[in-house]
Amino acid sequence: MSLFLKNYGVGKDEESFKVAFQIPINCEYTTYLDPYDVNIIAVTLKPYEKDPSPEFVLYEESYTCIDNVLTVDFELPDGNSNGGGGLGDPVTKKPRLRIDDLKMD
């Protein structure tokens, strides 16, 4: 389990899908669409913070399907670092939320 993400899920309203998720109070996030039509929620610590807080805050983002598919990836800063001399990636790209064959009608 990540220290940067807690309780997440997808719901539908009349015009879009809502992704609700909790991140630590001392973190922030940005969203973007990558070249493969995957919606990314990238979580980072706020400036001057070193460790994620145990207190979480709920956020919600709205998305629409692309070709009847909704895919959302979380990028979390709790991957492997290069500290041991290995070629680790400091960003974990999971979990992935994918919903197929959806129509808004």
C-alpha atoms as a PDB file:
ATOM      1  CA  MET A   1       0.000   0.000   0.000  1.00  0.00           C
ATOM      2  CA  SER A   2       1.219   3.458  -0.846  1.00  0.00           C
ATOM      3  CA  LEU A   3       1.839   6.149   1.746  1.00  0.00           C
ATOM      4  CA  PHE A   4       0.612   8.658  -0.862  1.00  0.00           C
ATOM      5  CA  LEU A   5      -2.829   7.258  -1.779  1.00  0.00           C
ATOM      6  CA  LYS A   6      -5.728   5.969   0.254  1.00  0.00           C
ATOM      7  CA  ASN A   7      -9.311   5.050  -0.692  1.00  0.00           C
ATOM      8  CA  TYR A   8      -9.976   5.687  -4.366  1.00  0.00           C
ATOM      9  CA  GLY A   9     -12.857   4.879  -6.683  1.00  0.00           C
ATOM     10  CA  VAL A  10     -14.884   5.802  -9.747  1.00  0.00           C
ATOM     11  CA  GLY A  11     -18.502   6.955  -9.946  1.00  0.00           C
ATOM     12  CA  LYS A  12     -20.686   8.228 -12.765  1.00  0.00           C
ATOM     13  CA  ASP A  13     -22.844  11.315 -12.983  1.00  0.00           C
ATOM     14  CA  GLU A  14     -24.924  12.467 -15.943  1.00  0.00           C
ATOM     15  CA  GLU A  15     -22.106  13.831 -18.096  1.00  0.00           C
ATOM     16  CA  SER A  16     -18.824  12.444 -16.811  1.00  0.00           C
ATOM     17  CA  PHE A  17     -17.081  10.012 -14.507  1.00  0.00           C
ATOM     18  CA  LYS A  18     -15.791  11.121 -11.124  1.00  0.00           C
ATOM     19  CA  VAL A  19     -12.591   9.734  -9.664  1.00  0.00           C
ATOM     20  CA  ALA A  20     -12.427  10.285  -5.917  1.00  0.00           C
ATOM     21  CA  PHE A  21      -9.183   9.719  -4.023  1.00  0.00           C
ATOM     22  CA  GLN A  22      -7.433  10.641  -0.800  1.00  0.00           C
ATOM     23  CA  ILE A  23      -3.853  11.930  -0.576  1.00  0.00           C
ATOM     24  CA  PRO A  24      -1.862  13.236   2.419  1.00  0.00           C
ATOM     25  CA  ILE A  25      -2.658  16.784   3.518  1.00  0.00           C
ATOM     26  CA  ASN A  26       0.934  17.871   2.786  1.00  0.00           C
ATOM     27  CA  CYS A  27       0.791  16.666  -0.833  1.00  0.00           C
ATOM     28  CA  GLU A  28      -0.537  18.199  -4.022  1.00  0.00           C
ATOM     29  CA  TYR A  29      -1.456  16.753  -7.394  1.00  0.00           C
ATOM     30  CA  THR A  30      -1.661  17.660 -11.056  1.00  0.00           C
ATOM     31  CA  THR A  31      -3.626  16.035 -13.846  1.00  0.00           C
ATOM     32  CA  TYR A  32      -2.851  15.594 -17.529  1.00  0.00           C
ATOM     33  CA  LEU A  33      -3.620  13.353 -20.498  1.00  0.00           C
ATOM     34  CA  ASP A  34      -0.619  11.401 -21.775  1.00  0.00           C
ATOM     35  CA  PRO A  35      -0.013  10.594 -25.482  1.00  0.00           C
ATOM     36  CA  TYR A  36      -1.693   7.172 -25.039  1.00  0.00           C
ATOM     37  CA  ASP A  37      -5.012   8.707 -23.861  1.00  0.00           C
ATOM     38  CA  VAL A  38      -4.352   7.747 -20.233  1.00  0.00           C
ATOM     39  CA  ASN A  39      -5.478  10.295 -17.656  1.00  0.00           C
ATOM     40  CA  ILE A  40      -2.683  10.827 -15.133  1.00  0.00           C
ATOM     41  CA  ILE A  41      -3.059  12.009 -11.540  1.00  0.00           C
ATOM     42  CA  ALA A  42       0.483  12.845 -10.399  1.00  0.00           C
ATOM     43  CA  VAL A  43       0.890  13.201  -6.631  1.00  0.00           C
ATOM     44  CA  THR A  44       3.896  15.012  -5.132  1.00  0.00           C
ATOM     45  CA  LEU A  45       4.930  16.308  -1.736  1.00  0.00           C
ATOM     46  CA  LYS A  46       4.470  20.047  -1.286  1.00  0.00           C
ATOM     47  CA  PRO A  47       7.698  22.096  -1.328  1.00  0.00           C
ATOM     48  CA  TYR A  48       9.903  21.684   1.755  1.00  0.00           C
ATOM     49  CA  GLU A  49       8.038  18.528   2.868  1.00  0.00           C
ATOM     50  CA  LYS A  50      10.051  15.336   3.376  1.00  0.00           C
ATOM     51  CA  ASP A  51       7.511  12.680   4.393  1.00  0.00           C
ATOM     52  CA  PRO A  52       3.802  12.209   3.675  1.00  0.00           C
ATOM     53  CA  SER A  53       1.420  13.130   6.485  1.00  0.00           C
ATOM     54  CA  PRO A  54      -0.736  10.412   8.075  1.00  0.00           C
ATOM     55  CA  GLU A  55      -3.697  12.827   7.670  1.00  0.00           C
ATOM     56  CA  PHE A  56      -5.479  12.468   4.303  1.00  0.00           C
ATOM     57  CA  VAL A  57      -7.702  14.829   2.296  1.00  0.00           C
ATOM     58  CA  LEU A  58     -10.387  13.808  -0.227  1.00  0.00           C
ATOM     59  CA  TYR A  59     -10.252  15.143  -3.804  1.00  0.00           C
ATOM     60  CA  GLU A  60     -12.439  14.507  -6.838  1.00  0.00           C
ATOM     61  CA  GLU A  61     -11.725  14.907 -10.561  1.00  0.00           C
ATOM     62  CA  SER A  62     -14.126  14.577 -13.515  1.00  0.00           C
ATOM     63  CA  TYR A  63     -13.241  12.681 -16.693  1.00  0.00           C
ATOM     64  CA  THR A  64     -14.922  11.672 -19.943  1.00  0.00           C
ATOM     65  CA  CYS A  65     -14.348   8.454 -21.861  1.00  0.00           C
ATOM     66  CA  ILE A  66     -12.148   8.313 -24.920  1.00  0.00           C
ATOM     67  CA  ASP A  67     -13.421   5.711 -27.418  1.00  0.00           C
ATOM     68  CA  ASN A  68     -15.683   4.227 -24.712  1.00  0.00           C
ATOM     69  CA  VAL A  69     -12.745   3.624 -22.359  1.00  0.00           C
ATOM     70  CA  LEU A  70     -11.751   5.482 -19.226  1.00  0.00           C
ATOM     71  CA  THR A  71      -8.190   4.906 -18.020  1.00  0.00           C
ATOM     72  CA  VAL A  72      -6.683   6.726 -15.046  1.00  0.00           C
ATOM     73  CA  ASP A  73      -3.181   6.116 -13.683  1.00  0.00           C
ATOM     74  CA  PHE A  74      -1.837   7.452 -10.402  1.00  0.00           C
ATOM     75  CA  GLU A  75       1.815   8.528 -10.377  1.00  0.00           C
ATOM     76  CA  LEU A  76       3.011   8.274  -6.790  1.00  0.00           C
ATOM     77  CA  PRO A  77       6.443   9.293  -5.434  1.00  0.00           C
ATOM     78  CA  ASP A  78       7.046   6.066  -3.508  1.00  0.00           C
ATOM     79  CA  GLY A  79       8.950   4.053  -6.111  1.00  0.00           C
ATOM     80  CA  ASN A  80      12.527   2.823  -5.794  1.00  0.00           C
ATOM     81  CA  SER A  81      15.199   5.511  -5.665  1.00  0.00           C
ATOM     82  CA  ASN A  82      18.669   5.345  -7.166  1.00  0.00           C
ATOM     83  CA  GLY A  83      20.267   5.337  -3.709  1.00  0.00           C
ATOM     84  CA  GLY A  84      21.567   1.768  -3.939  1.00  0.00           C
ATOM     85  CA  GLY A  85      23.287   2.298  -7.262  1.00  0.00           C
ATOM     86  CA  GLY A  86      20.445   0.657  -9.216  1.00  0.00           C
ATOM     87  CA  LEU A  87      18.401   2.214 -11.957  1.00  0.00           C
ATOM     88  CA  GLY A  88      15.181   2.613  -9.990  1.00  0.00           C
ATOM     89  CA  ASP A  89      12.260   4.855 -10.843  1.00  0.00           C
ATOM     90  CA  PRO A  90      11.281   7.180  -7.958  1.00  0.00           C
ATOM     91  CA  VAL A  91       7.703   7.260  -9.302  1.00  0.00           C
ATOM     92  CA  THR A  92       5.278   4.352  -8.991  1.00  0.00           C
ATOM     93  CA  LYS A  93       2.624   4.289 -11.723  1.00  0.00           C
ATOM     94  CA  LYS A  94      -0.190   2.446 -10.016  1.00  0.00           C
ATOM     95  CA  PRO A  95      -2.931   1.781  -9.344  1.00  0.00           C
ATOM     96  CA  ARG A  96      -4.559   1.958 -12.757  1.00  0.00           C
ATOM     97  CA  LEU A  97      -8.301   2.441 -13.029  1.00  0.00           C
ATOM     98  CA  ARG A  98      -9.694   1.184 -16.355  1.00  0.00           C
ATOM     99  CA  ILE A  99     -13.321   0.943 -17.348  1.00  0.00           C
ATOM    100  CA  ASP A 100     -14.183  -0.439 -20.784  1.00  0.00           C
ATOM    101  CA  ASP A 101     -17.176  -0.295 -23.098  1.00  0.00           C
ATOM    102  CA  LEU A 102     -18.878   2.595 -21.398  1.00  0.00           C
ATOM    103  CA  LYS A 103     -21.326   4.925 -23.008  1.00  0.00           C
ATOM    104  CA  MET A 104     -22.587   8.088 -21.435  1.00  0.00           C
ATOM    105  CA  ASP A 105     -26.098   7.649 -22.916  1.00  0.00           C
END
